[in-house]
Structures are given as C-alpha cells and as structure tokens.
C-alpha cells in the first residue's frame, strides 16, 4: 500500500485505521529539505491534523522519515505531487494520479 498524503496517511495509521507495516511508502506533497523543515511541518500537522493522536503520529512520521519511506517528488519538480481527490491510498505506484497530469 502506498499513501498519498503525509498528514492524512500518518493520521490514519496513528488512529489504528491502517497498519504502518502494510505501508510501503508515502508519496507526499511535502517539500522538506532539512530536519528543520520536517520539524516545522510536524509542528503544523500536530496542531492542525493530528488532534488526539499527536504523539503517536509524530513517532510514526519520524520512523518513516528515518527509514526513507517518504518520497517527496516536489523536491525535484515543484508541480509534481499526487492527487488525493479519489483516495489517500493506492495499491501500486502506477495507480498514482499526479496533479501535474490533470
């Protein structure tokens, strides 16, 4: 399984809706180049998206970051990020719909 939104997919895992072990990676719209960038993003996610599961969610995202399981295509092409209009999860990379292709 591949996640398409760092904030929403991590929240789903933190709430127990999805087992992190079943998630190959998250391909997000983030553009974090440094630990400082990630710290700022995590701070926003804790306040805006992860209410009630902040600590669990932060543990999950930091694990995914350290394991290289978050891909950030916007670091290469700022216009390339996955659409989450249909779902925040896909089964394979060929199912990802990119905003730049819409």
PDB file of N, CA and C in Angstrom:
ATOM      1  N   UNK A   1       0.842  -1.164   0.000  1.00  0.00           N
ATOM      2  CA  UNK A   1       0.000   0.000   0.000  1.00  0.00           C
ATOM      3  C   UNK A   1       0.894   1.235   0.000  1.00  0.00           C
ATOM      4  N   UNK A   2       0.473   2.244  -0.757  1.00  0.00           N
ATOM      5  CA  UNK A   2       1.217   3.498  -0.854  1.00  0.00           C
ATOM      6  C   UNK A   2       0.291   4.635  -0.444  1.00  0.00           C
ATOM      7  N   UNK A   3       0.756   5.469   0.478  1.00  0.00           N
ATOM      8  CA  UNK A   3      -0.003   6.636   0.902  1.00  0.00           C
ATOM      9  C   UNK A   3       0.301   7.823   0.015  1.00  0.00           C
ATOM     10  N   UNK A   4      -0.670   8.729  -0.104  1.00  0.00           N
ATOM     11  CA  UNK A   4      -0.522   9.879  -0.994  1.00  0.00           C
ATOM     12  C   UNK A   4      -0.599  11.216  -0.262  1.00  0.00           C
ATOM     13  N   UNK A   5      -0.648  11.195   1.056  1.00  0.00           N
ATOM     14  CA  UNK A   5      -0.700  12.421   1.850  1.00  0.00           C
ATOM     15  C   UNK A   5       0.004  12.150   3.171  1.00  0.00           C
ATOM     16  N   UNK A   6       1.067  12.880   3.419  1.00  0.00           N
ATOM     17  CA  UNK A   6       1.811  12.660   4.664  1.00  0.00           C
ATOM     18  C   UNK A   6       0.903  12.884   5.867  1.00  0.00           C
ATOM     19  N   UNK A   7       0.223  14.016   5.909  1.00  0.00           N
ATOM     20  CA  UNK A   7      -0.586  14.339   7.088  1.00  0.00           C
ATOM     21  C   UNK A   7      -1.740  13.362   7.276  1.00  0.00           C
ATOM     22  N   UNK A   8      -2.525  13.102   6.233  1.00  0.00           N
ATOM     23  CA  UNK A   8      -3.704  12.247   6.371  1.00  0.00           C
ATOM     24  C   UNK A   8      -3.342  10.774   6.551  1.00  0.00           C
ATOM     25  N   UNK A   9      -2.322  10.297   5.861  1.00  0.00           N
ATOM     26  CA  UNK A   9      -1.941   8.885   5.987  1.00  0.00           C
ATOM     27  C   UNK A   9      -1.340   8.594   7.354  1.00  0.00           C
ATOM     28  N   UNK A  10      -0.505   9.491   7.842  1.00  0.00           N
ATOM     29  CA  UNK A  10       0.064   9.303   9.180  1.00  0.00           C
ATOM     30  C   UNK A  10      -1.054   9.338  10.221  1.00  0.00           C
ATOM     31  N   UNK A  11      -2.022  10.233  10.042  1.00  0.00           N
ATOM     32  CA  UNK A  11      -3.161  10.285  10.964  1.00  0.00           C
ATOM     33  C   UNK A  11      -3.920   8.961  10.961  1.00  0.00           C
ATOM     34  N   UNK A  12      -4.171   8.405   9.777  1.00  0.00           N
ATOM     35  CA  UNK A  12      -4.891   7.126   9.681  1.00  0.00           C
ATOM     36  C   UNK A  12      -4.127   6.015  10.398  1.00  0.00           C
ATOM     37  N   UNK A  13      -2.818   6.010  10.254  1.00  0.00           N
ATOM     38  CA  UNK A  13      -2.017   4.996  10.945  1.00  0.00           C
ATOM     39  C   UNK A  13      -2.038   5.225  12.462  1.00  0.00           C
ATOM     40  N   UNK A  14      -1.924   6.480  12.880  1.00  0.00           N
ATOM     41  CA  UNK A  14      -1.919   6.793  14.309  1.00  0.00           C
ATOM     42  C   UNK A  14      -3.246   6.434  14.970  1.00  0.00           C
ATOM     43  N   UNK A  15      -4.338   6.537  14.216  1.00  0.00           N
ATOM     44  CA  UNK A  15      -5.661   6.200  14.751  1.00  0.00           C
ATOM     45  C   UNK A  15      -5.942   4.700  14.688  1.00  0.00           C
ATOM     46  N   UNK A  16      -5.006   3.924  14.133  1.00  0.00           N
ATOM     47  CA  UNK A  16      -5.170   2.481  14.062  1.00  0.00           C
ATOM     48  C   UNK A  16      -6.001   2.009  12.887  1.00  0.00           C
ATOM     49  N   UNK A  17      -6.287   2.888  11.947  1.00  0.00           N
ATOM     50  CA  UNK A  17      -7.084   2.520  10.774  1.00  0.00           C
ATOM     51  C   UNK A  17      -6.266   1.743   9.748  1.00  0.00           C
ATOM     52  N   UNK A  18      -4.956   1.980   9.744  1.00  0.00           N
ATOM     53  CA  UNK A  18      -4.038   1.328   8.809  1.00  0.00           C
ATOM     54  C   UNK A  18      -2.799   0.911   9.589  1.00  0.00           C
ATOM     55  N   UNK A  19      -2.323  -0.294   9.342  1.00  0.00           N
ATOM     56  CA  UNK A  19      -1.122  -0.808   9.990  1.00  0.00           C
ATOM     57  C   UNK A  19       0.107  -0.243   9.269  1.00  0.00           C
ATOM     58  N   UNK A  20       0.970   0.493   9.962  1.00  0.00           N
ATOM     59  CA  UNK A  20       2.165   1.043   9.322  1.00  0.00           C
ATOM     60  C   UNK A  20       3.027  -0.015   8.619  1.00  0.00           C
ATOM     61  N   UNK A  21       3.007  -1.230   9.109  1.00  0.00           N
ATOM     62  CA  UNK A  21       3.793  -2.299   8.485  1.00  0.00           C
ATOM     63  C   UNK A  21       3.279  -2.647   7.091  1.00  0.00           C
ATOM     64  N   UNK A  22       2.038  -2.293   6.800  1.00  0.00           N
ATOM     65  CA  UNK A  22       1.456  -2.577   5.482  1.00  0.00           C
ATOM     66  C   UNK A  22       1.695  -1.459   4.478  1.00  0.00           C
ATOM     67  N   UNK A  23       2.303  -0.369   4.930  1.00  0.00           N
ATOM     68  CA  UNK A  23       2.528   0.801   4.078  1.00  0.00           C
ATOM     69  C   UNK A  23       3.964   0.769   3.547  1.00  0.00           C
ATOM     70  N   UNK A  24       4.079   0.607   2.245  1.00  0.00           N
ATOM     71  CA  UNK A  24       5.393   0.587   1.596  1.00  0.00           C
ATOM     72  C   UNK A  24       6.080   1.937   1.722  1.00  0.00           C
ATOM     73  N   UNK A  25       5.296   3.006   1.450  1.00  0.00           N
ATOM     74  CA  UNK A  25       5.844   4.361   1.488  1.00  0.00           C
ATOM     75  C   UNK A  25       4.689   5.354   1.409  1.00  0.00           C
ATOM     76  N   UNK A  26       5.020   6.609   1.648  1.00  0.00           N
ATOM     77  CA  UNK A  26       4.092   7.713   1.422  1.00  0.00           C
ATOM     78  C   UNK A  26       4.745   8.625   0.396  1.00  0.00           C
ATOM     79  N   UNK A  27       4.017   8.911  -0.665  1.00  0.00           N
ATOM     80  CA  UNK A  27       4.463   9.864  -1.678  1.00  0.00           C
ATOM     81  C   UNK A  27       3.657  11.130  -1.429  1.00  0.00           C
ATOM     82  N   UNK A  28       4.289  12.123  -0.859  1.00  0.00           N
ATOM     83  CA  UNK A  28       3.541  13.293  -0.420  1.00  0.00           C
ATOM     84  C   UNK A  28       3.794  14.546  -1.228  1.00  0.00           C
ATOM     85  N   UNK A  29       3.076  15.585  -0.852  1.00  0.00           N
ATOM     86  CA  UNK A  29       3.243  16.898  -1.477  1.00  0.00           C
ATOM     87  C   UNK A  29       4.174  17.780  -0.655  1.00  0.00           C
ATOM     88  N   UNK A  30       4.818  17.189   0.333  1.00  0.00           N
ATOM     89  CA  UNK A  30       5.758  17.948   1.159  1.00  0.00           C
ATOM     90  C   UNK A  30       7.001  18.293   0.340  1.00  0.00           C
ATOM     91  N   UNK A  31       7.727  19.262   0.850  1.00  0.00           N
ATOM     92  CA  UNK A  31       8.983  19.669   0.229  1.00  0.00           C
ATOM     93  C   UNK A  31       9.968  20.018   1.341  1.00  0.00           C
ATOM     94  N   UNK A  32      10.272  19.038   2.154  1.00  0.00           N
ATOM     95  CA  UNK A  32      11.153  19.230   3.314  1.00  0.00           C
ATOM     96  C   UNK A  32      12.575  18.816   2.954  1.00  0.00           C
ATOM     97  N   UNK A  33      13.472  19.780   2.978  1.00  0.00           N
ATOM     98  CA  UNK A  33      14.870  19.524   2.617  1.00  0.00           C
ATOM     99  C   UNK A  33      15.768  19.262   3.827  1.00  0.00           C
ATOM    100  N   UNK A  34      15.303  19.618   5.000  1.00  0.00           N
ATOM    101  CA  UNK A  34      16.167  19.516   6.185  1.00  0.00           C
ATOM    102  C   UNK A  34      15.355  19.051   7.385  1.00  0.00           C
ATOM    103  N   UNK A  35      16.063  18.714   8.445  1.00  0.00           N
ATOM    104  CA  UNK A  35      15.390  18.363   9.697  1.00  0.00           C
ATOM    105  C   UNK A  35      14.540  19.528  10.197  1.00  0.00           C
ATOM    106  N   UNK A  36      15.045  20.733  10.017  1.00  0.00           N
ATOM    107  CA  UNK A  36      14.304  21.923  10.434  1.00  0.00           C
ATOM    108  C   UNK A  36      12.982  22.031   9.658  1.00  0.00           C
ATOM    109  N   UNK A  37      13.029  21.768   8.353  1.00  0.00           N
ATOM    110  CA  UNK A  37      11.802  21.779   7.551  1.00  0.00           C
ATOM    111  C   UNK A  37      10.807  20.746   8.075  1.00  0.00           C
ATOM    112  N   UNK A  38      11.303  19.533   8.356  1.00  0.00           N
ATOM    113  CA  UNK A  38      10.425  18.480   8.874  1.00  0.00           C
ATOM    114  C   UNK A  38       9.853  18.879  10.229  1.00  0.00           C
ATOM    115  N   UNK A  39      10.669  19.472  11.087  1.00  0.00           N
ATOM    116  CA  UNK A  39      10.184  19.893  12.403  1.00  0.00           C
ATOM    117  C   UNK A  39       9.052  20.908  12.271  1.00  0.00           C
ATOM    118  N   UNK A  40       9.183  21.853  11.336  1.00  0.00           N
ATOM    119  CA  UNK A  40       8.116  22.838  11.110  1.00  0.00           C
ATOM    120  C   UNK A  40       6.853  22.154  10.591  1.00  0.00           C
ATOM    121  N   UNK A  41       7.016  21.237   9.631  1.00  0.00           N
ATOM    122  CA  UNK A  41       5.852  20.537   9.081  1.00  0.00           C
ATOM    123  C   UNK A  41       5.159  19.714  10.162  1.00  0.00           C
ATOM    124  N   UNK A  42       5.933  19.004  10.958  1.00  0.00           N
ATOM    125  CA  UNK A  42       5.366  18.182  12.027  1.00  0.00           C
ATOM    126  C   UNK A  42       4.630  19.053  13.036  1.00  0.00           C
ATOM    127  N   UNK A  43       5.170  20.205  13.344  1.00  0.00           N
ATOM    128  CA  UNK A  43       4.508  21.118  14.276  1.00  0.00           C
ATOM    129  C   UNK A  43       3.136  21.535  13.735  1.00  0.00           C
ATOM    130  N   UNK A  44       3.072  21.853  12.459  1.00  0.00           N
ATOM    131  CA  UNK A  44       1.788  22.219  11.833  1.00  0.00           C
ATOM    132  C   UNK A  44       0.835  21.029  11.846  1.00  0.00           C
ATOM    133  N   UNK A  45       1.324  19.855  11.468  1.00  0.00           N
ATOM    134  CA  UNK A  45       0.469  18.664  11.456  1.00  0.00           C
ATOM    135  C   UNK A  45      -0.077  18.350  12.850  1.00  0.00           C
ATOM    136  N   UNK A  46       0.764  18.483  13.862  1.00  0.00           N
ATOM    137  CA  UNK A  46       0.322  18.215  15.245  1.00  0.00           C
ATOM    138  C   UNK A  46      -0.836  19.143  15.614  1.00  0.00           C
ATOM    139  N   UNK A  47      -0.759  20.405  15.199  1.00  0.00           N
ATOM    140  CA  UNK A  47      -1.768  21.398  15.576  1.00  0.00           C
ATOM    141  C   UNK A  47      -3.028  21.334  14.707  1.00  0.00           C
ATOM    142  N   UNK A  48      -2.870  20.953  13.453  1.00  0.00           N
ATOM    143  CA  UNK A  48      -3.994  21.054  12.505  1.00  0.00           C
ATOM    144  C   UNK A  48      -4.635  19.734  12.107  1.00  0.00           C
ATOM    145  N   UNK A  49      -3.876  18.647  12.094  1.00  0.00           N
ATOM    146  CA  UNK A  49      -4.378  17.398  11.524  1.00  0.00           C
ATOM    147  C   UNK A  49      -4.428  16.227  12.506  1.00  0.00           C
ATOM    148  N   UNK A  50      -3.547  16.216  13.468  1.00  0.00           N
ATOM    149  CA  UNK A  50      -3.374  15.016  14.284  1.00  0.00           C
ATOM    150  C   UNK A  50      -3.988  15.142  15.673  1.00  0.00           C
ATOM    151  N   UNK A  51      -4.989  15.944  15.851  1.00  0.00           N
ATOM    152  CA  UNK A  51      -5.585  16.163  17.159  1.00  0.00           C
ATOM    153  C   UNK A  51      -5.963  14.834  17.817  1.00  0.00           C
ATOM    154  N   UNK A  52      -5.498  14.669  19.045  1.00  0.00           N
ATOM    155  CA  UNK A  52      -5.811  13.472  19.811  1.00  0.00           C
ATOM    156  C   UNK A  52      -4.842  12.327  19.611  1.00  0.00           C
ATOM    157  N   UNK A  53      -4.038  12.387  18.555  1.00  0.00           N
ATOM    158  CA  UNK A  53      -3.060  11.318  18.286  1.00  0.00           C
ATOM    159  C   UNK A  53      -1.675  11.908  17.975  1.00  0.00           C
ATOM    160  N   UNK A  54      -1.430  13.102  18.483  1.00  0.00           N
ATOM    161  CA  UNK A  54      -0.219  13.845  18.125  1.00  0.00           C
ATOM    162  C   UNK A  54       1.066  13.059  18.365  1.00  0.00           C
ATOM    163  N   UNK A  55       1.226  12.489  19.547  1.00  0.00           N
ATOM    164  CA  UNK A  55       2.478  11.813  19.893  1.00  0.00           C
ATOM    165  C   UNK A  55       2.675  10.537  19.073  1.00  0.00           C
ATOM    166  N   UNK A  56       1.608   9.766  18.914  1.00  0.00           N
ATOM    167  CA  UNK A  56       1.701   8.543  18.099  1.00  0.00           C
ATOM    168  C   UNK A  56       2.022   8.902  16.656  1.00  0.00           C
ATOM    169  N   UNK A  57       1.342   9.920  16.126  1.00  0.00           N
ATOM    170  CA  UNK A  57       1.566  10.342  14.746  1.00  0.00           C
ATOM    171  C   UNK A  57       3.004  10.818  14.543  1.00  0.00           C
ATOM    172  N   UNK A  58       3.513  11.586  15.483  1.00  0.00           N
ATOM    173  CA  UNK A  58       4.895  12.067  15.352  1.00  0.00           C
ATOM    174  C   UNK A  58       5.878  10.900  15.376  1.00  0.00           C
ATOM    175  N   UNK A  59       5.642   9.930  16.214  1.00  0.00           N
ATOM    176  CA  UNK A  59       6.511   8.751  16.248  1.00  0.00           C
ATOM    177  C   UNK A  59       6.491   8.037  14.893  1.00  0.00           C
ATOM    178  N   UNK A  60       5.315   7.906  14.309  1.00  0.00           N
ATOM    179  CA  UNK A  60       5.182   7.226  13.010  1.00  0.00           C
ATOM    180  C   UNK A  60       5.900   8.007  11.920  1.00  0.00           C
ATOM    181  N   UNK A  61       5.667   9.310  11.841  1.00  0.00           N
ATOM    182  CA  UNK A  61       6.301  10.078  10.764  1.00  0.00           C
ATOM    183  C   UNK A  61       7.820  10.068  10.904  1.00  0.00           C
ATOM    184  N   UNK A  62       8.302  10.173  12.116  1.00  0.00           N
ATOM    185  CA  UNK A  62       9.759  10.154  12.297  1.00  0.00           C
ATOM    186  C   UNK A  62      10.343   8.792  11.924  1.00  0.00           C
ATOM    187  N   UNK A  63       9.614   7.732  12.199  1.00  0.00           N
ATOM    188  CA  UNK A  63      10.058   6.404  11.774  1.00  0.00           C
ATOM    189  C   UNK A  63      10.099   6.314  10.250  1.00  0.00           C
ATOM    190  N   UNK A  64       9.052   6.792   9.593  1.00  0.00           N
ATOM    191  CA  UNK A  64       9.005   6.753   8.132  1.00  0.00           C
ATOM    192  C   UNK A  64      10.127   7.594   7.524  1.00  0.00           C
ATOM    193  N   UNK A  65      10.383   8.752   8.099  1.00  0.00           N
ATOM    194  CA  UNK A  65      11.478   9.605   7.606  1.00  0.00           C
ATOM    195  C   UNK A  65      12.809   8.866   7.742  1.00  0.00           C
ATOM    196  N   UNK A  66      13.069   8.299   8.914  1.00  0.00           N
ATOM    197  CA  UNK A  66      14.359   7.637   9.149  1.00  0.00           C
ATOM    198  C   UNK A  66      14.535   6.395   8.281  1.00  0.00           C
ATOM    199  N   UNK A  67      13.436   5.753   7.931  1.00  0.00           N
ATOM    200  CA  UNK A  67      13.505   4.555   7.094  1.00  0.00           C
ATOM    201  C   UNK A  67      13.462   4.877   5.600  1.00  0.00           C
ATOM    202  N   UNK A  68      13.383   6.148   5.250  1.00  0.00           N
ATOM    203  CA  UNK A  68      13.338   6.535   3.845  1.00  0.00           C
ATOM    204  C   UNK A  68      12.030   6.156   3.166  1.00  0.00           C
ATOM    205  N   UNK A  69      10.949   6.123   3.935  1.00  0.00           N
ATOM    206  CA  UNK A  69       9.660   5.697   3.395  1.00  0.00           C
ATOM    207  C   UNK A  69       8.738   6.864   3.060  1.00  0.00           C
ATOM    208  N   UNK A  70       9.317   8.071   2.976  1.00  0.00           N
ATOM    209  CA  UNK A  70       8.558   9.221   2.494  1.00  0.00           C
ATOM    210  C   UNK A  70       9.265   9.757   1.265  1.00  0.00           C
ATOM    211  N   UNK A  71       8.547   9.759   0.150  1.00  0.00           N
ATOM    212  CA  UNK A  71       9.067  10.321  -1.097  1.00  0.00           C
ATOM    213  C   UNK A  71       8.458  11.702  -1.296  1.00  0.00           C
ATOM    214  N   UNK A  72       9.295  12.622  -1.765  1.00  0.00           N
ATOM    215  CA  UNK A  72       8.872  13.998  -1.971  1.00  0.00           C
ATOM    216  C   UNK A  72       9.205  14.444  -3.392  1.00  0.00           C
ATOM    217  N   UNK A  73       8.354  14.109  -4.347  1.00  0.00           N
ATOM    218  CA  UNK A  73       8.654  14.468  -5.735  1.00  0.00           C
ATOM    219  C   UNK A  73       8.770  15.973  -5.965  1.00  0.00           C
ATOM    220  N   UNK A  74       8.175  16.788  -5.100  1.00  0.00           N
ATOM    221  CA  UNK A  74       8.269  18.247  -5.264  1.00  0.00           C
ATOM    222  C   UNK A  74       9.690  18.755  -5.048  1.00  0.00           C
ATOM    223  N   UNK A  75      10.554  17.963  -4.437  1.00  0.00           N
ATOM    224  CA  UNK A  75      11.946  18.391  -4.291  1.00  0.00           C
ATOM    225  C   UNK A  75      12.637  18.454  -5.650  1.00  0.00           C
ATOM    226  N   UNK A  76      12.112  17.712  -6.612  1.00  0.00           N
ATOM    227  CA  UNK A  76      12.673  17.692  -7.962  1.00  0.00           C
ATOM    228  C   UNK A  76      11.865  18.580  -8.907  1.00  0.00           C
ATOM    229  N   UNK A  77      10.533  18.488  -8.808  1.00  0.00           N
ATOM    230  CA  UNK A  77       9.627  19.248  -9.665  1.00  0.00           C
ATOM    231  C   UNK A  77       8.491  19.760  -8.788  1.00  0.00           C
ATOM    232  N   UNK A  78       8.488  21.052  -8.515  1.00  0.00           N
ATOM    233  CA  UNK A  78       7.527  21.634  -7.579  1.00  0.00           C
ATOM    234  C   UNK A  78       6.077  21.432  -8.006  1.00  0.00           C
ATOM    235  N   UNK A  79       5.850  21.127  -9.271  1.00  0.00           N
ATOM    236  CA  UNK A  79       4.494  20.919  -9.777  1.00  0.00           C
ATOM    237  C   UNK A  79       4.050  19.467  -9.701  1.00  0.00           C
ATOM    238  N   UNK A  80       4.909  18.561  -9.236  1.00  0.00           N
ATOM    239  CA  UNK A  80       4.572  17.141  -9.226  1.00  0.00           C
ATOM    240  C   UNK A  80       4.265  16.665  -7.808  1.00  0.00           C
ATOM    241  N   UNK A  81       3.001  16.373  -7.590  1.00  0.00           N
ATOM    242  CA  UNK A  81       2.570  15.783  -6.330  1.00  0.00           C
ATOM    243  C   UNK A  81       1.282  15.019  -6.586  1.00  0.00           C
ATOM    244  N   UNK A  82       1.004  14.018  -5.751  1.00  0.00           N
ATOM    245  CA  UNK A  82      -0.154  13.158  -6.008  1.00  0.00           C
ATOM    246  C   UNK A  82      -1.485  13.836  -5.694  1.00  0.00           C
ATOM    247  N   UNK A  83      -2.475  13.485  -6.472  1.00  0.00           N
ATOM    248  CA  UNK A  83      -3.838  13.927  -6.213  1.00  0.00           C
ATOM    249  C   UNK A  83      -4.443  13.015  -5.144  1.00  0.00           C
ATOM    250  N   UNK A  84      -5.163  13.620  -4.215  1.00  0.00           N
ATOM    251  CA  UNK A  84      -5.862  12.819  -3.210  1.00  0.00           C
ATOM    252  C   UNK A  84      -7.377  12.976  -3.370  1.00  0.00           C
ATOM    253  N   UNK A  85      -7.791  13.395  -4.531  1.00  0.00           N
ATOM    254  CA  UNK A  85      -9.219  13.596  -4.783  1.00  0.00           C
ATOM    255  C   UNK A  85     -10.011  12.299  -4.626  1.00  0.00           C
ATOM    256  N   UNK A  86      -9.475  11.195  -5.126  1.00  0.00           N
ATOM    257  CA  UNK A  86     -10.181   9.907  -5.074  1.00  0.00           C
ATOM    258  C   UNK A  86      -9.898   9.134  -3.794  1.00  0.00           C
ATOM    259  N   UNK A  87      -8.657   9.161  -3.338  1.00  0.00           N
ATOM    260  CA  UNK A  87      -8.261   8.382  -2.169  1.00  0.00           C
ATOM    261  C   UNK A  87      -6.881   8.831  -1.707  1.00  0.00           C
ATOM    262  N   UNK A  88      -6.582   8.552  -0.440  1.00  0.00           N
ATOM    263  CA  UNK A  88      -5.235   8.843   0.059  1.00  0.00           C
ATOM    264  C   UNK A  88      -4.363   7.596   0.004  1.00  0.00           C
ATOM    265  N   UNK A  89      -4.906   6.493  -0.508  1.00  0.00           N
ATOM    266  CA  UNK A  89      -4.168   5.233  -0.596  1.00  0.00           C
ATOM    267  C   UNK A  89      -4.314   4.631  -1.987  1.00  0.00           C
ATOM    268  N   UNK A  90      -3.226   4.023  -2.481  1.00  0.00           N
ATOM    269  CA  UNK A  90      -3.262   3.216  -3.698  1.00  0.00           C
ATOM    270  C   UNK A  90      -2.497   1.925  -3.411  1.00  0.00           C
ATOM    271  N   UNK A  91      -2.721   0.943  -4.250  1.00  0.00           N
ATOM    272  CA  UNK A  91      -2.041  -0.339  -4.061  1.00  0.00           C
ATOM    273  C   UNK A  91      -0.692  -0.403  -4.761  1.00  0.00           C
ATOM    274  N   UNK A  92      -0.508   0.410  -5.799  1.00  0.00           N
ATOM    275  CA  UNK A  92       0.763   0.390  -6.527  1.00  0.00           C
ATOM    276  C   UNK A  92       1.041   1.767  -7.125  1.00  0.00           C
ATOM    277  N   UNK A  93       2.297   2.008  -7.445  1.00  0.00           N
ATOM    278  CA  UNK A  93       2.712   3.312  -7.956  1.00  0.00           C
ATOM    279  C   UNK A  93       2.027   3.678  -9.267  1.00  0.00           C
ATOM    280  N   UNK A  94       1.679   2.690 -10.088  1.00  0.00           N
ATOM    281  CA  UNK A  94       1.038   3.007 -11.364  1.00  0.00           C
ATOM    282  C   UNK A  94      -0.399   3.501 -11.185  1.00  0.00           C
ATOM    283  N   UNK A  95      -0.930   3.440  -9.979  1.00  0.00           N
ATOM    284  CA  UNK A  95      -2.270   3.956  -9.703  1.00  0.00           C
ATOM    285  C   UNK A  95      -2.257   5.414  -9.236  1.00  0.00           C
ATOM    286  N   UNK A  96      -1.074   5.975  -9.033  1.00  0.00           N
ATOM    287  CA  UNK A  96      -0.984   7.364  -8.575  1.00  0.00           C
ATOM    288  C   UNK A  96      -1.387   8.301  -9.708  1.00  0.00           C
ATOM    289  N   UNK A  97      -2.303   9.218  -9.394  1.00  0.00           N
ATOM    290  CA  UNK A  97      -2.683  10.274 -10.321  1.00  0.00           C
ATOM    291  C   UNK A  97      -1.959  11.529  -9.853  1.00  0.00           C
ATOM    292  N   UNK A  98      -1.211  12.148 -10.771  1.00  0.00           N
ATOM    293  CA  UNK A  98      -0.409  13.312 -10.425  1.00  0.00           C
ATOM    294  C   UNK A  98      -1.167  14.590 -10.794  1.00  0.00           C
ATOM    295  N   UNK A  99      -1.115  15.593  -9.906  1.00  0.00           N
ATOM    296  CA  UNK A  99      -1.743  16.871 -10.204  1.00  0.00           C
ATOM    297  C   UNK A  99      -1.179  17.475 -11.472  1.00  0.00           C
ATOM    298  N   UNK A 100       0.106  17.299 -11.707  1.00  0.00           N
ATOM    299  CA  UNK A 100       0.733  17.883 -12.900  1.00  0.00           C
ATOM    300  C   UNK A 100       0.205  17.255 -14.187  1.00  0.00           C
ATOM    301  N   UNK A 101      -0.467  16.116 -14.093  1.00  0.00           N
ATOM    302  CA  UNK A 101      -1.005  15.446 -15.275  1.00  0.00           C
ATOM    303  C   UNK A 101      -2.487  15.716 -15.451  1.00  0.00           C
ATOM    304  N   UNK A 102      -3.099  16.442 -14.553  1.00  0.00           N
ATOM    305  CA  UNK A 102      -4.545  16.701 -14.632  1.00  0.00           C
ATOM    306  C   UNK A 102      -4.844  17.790 -15.630  1.00  0.00           C
TER     307      UNK A 102
END
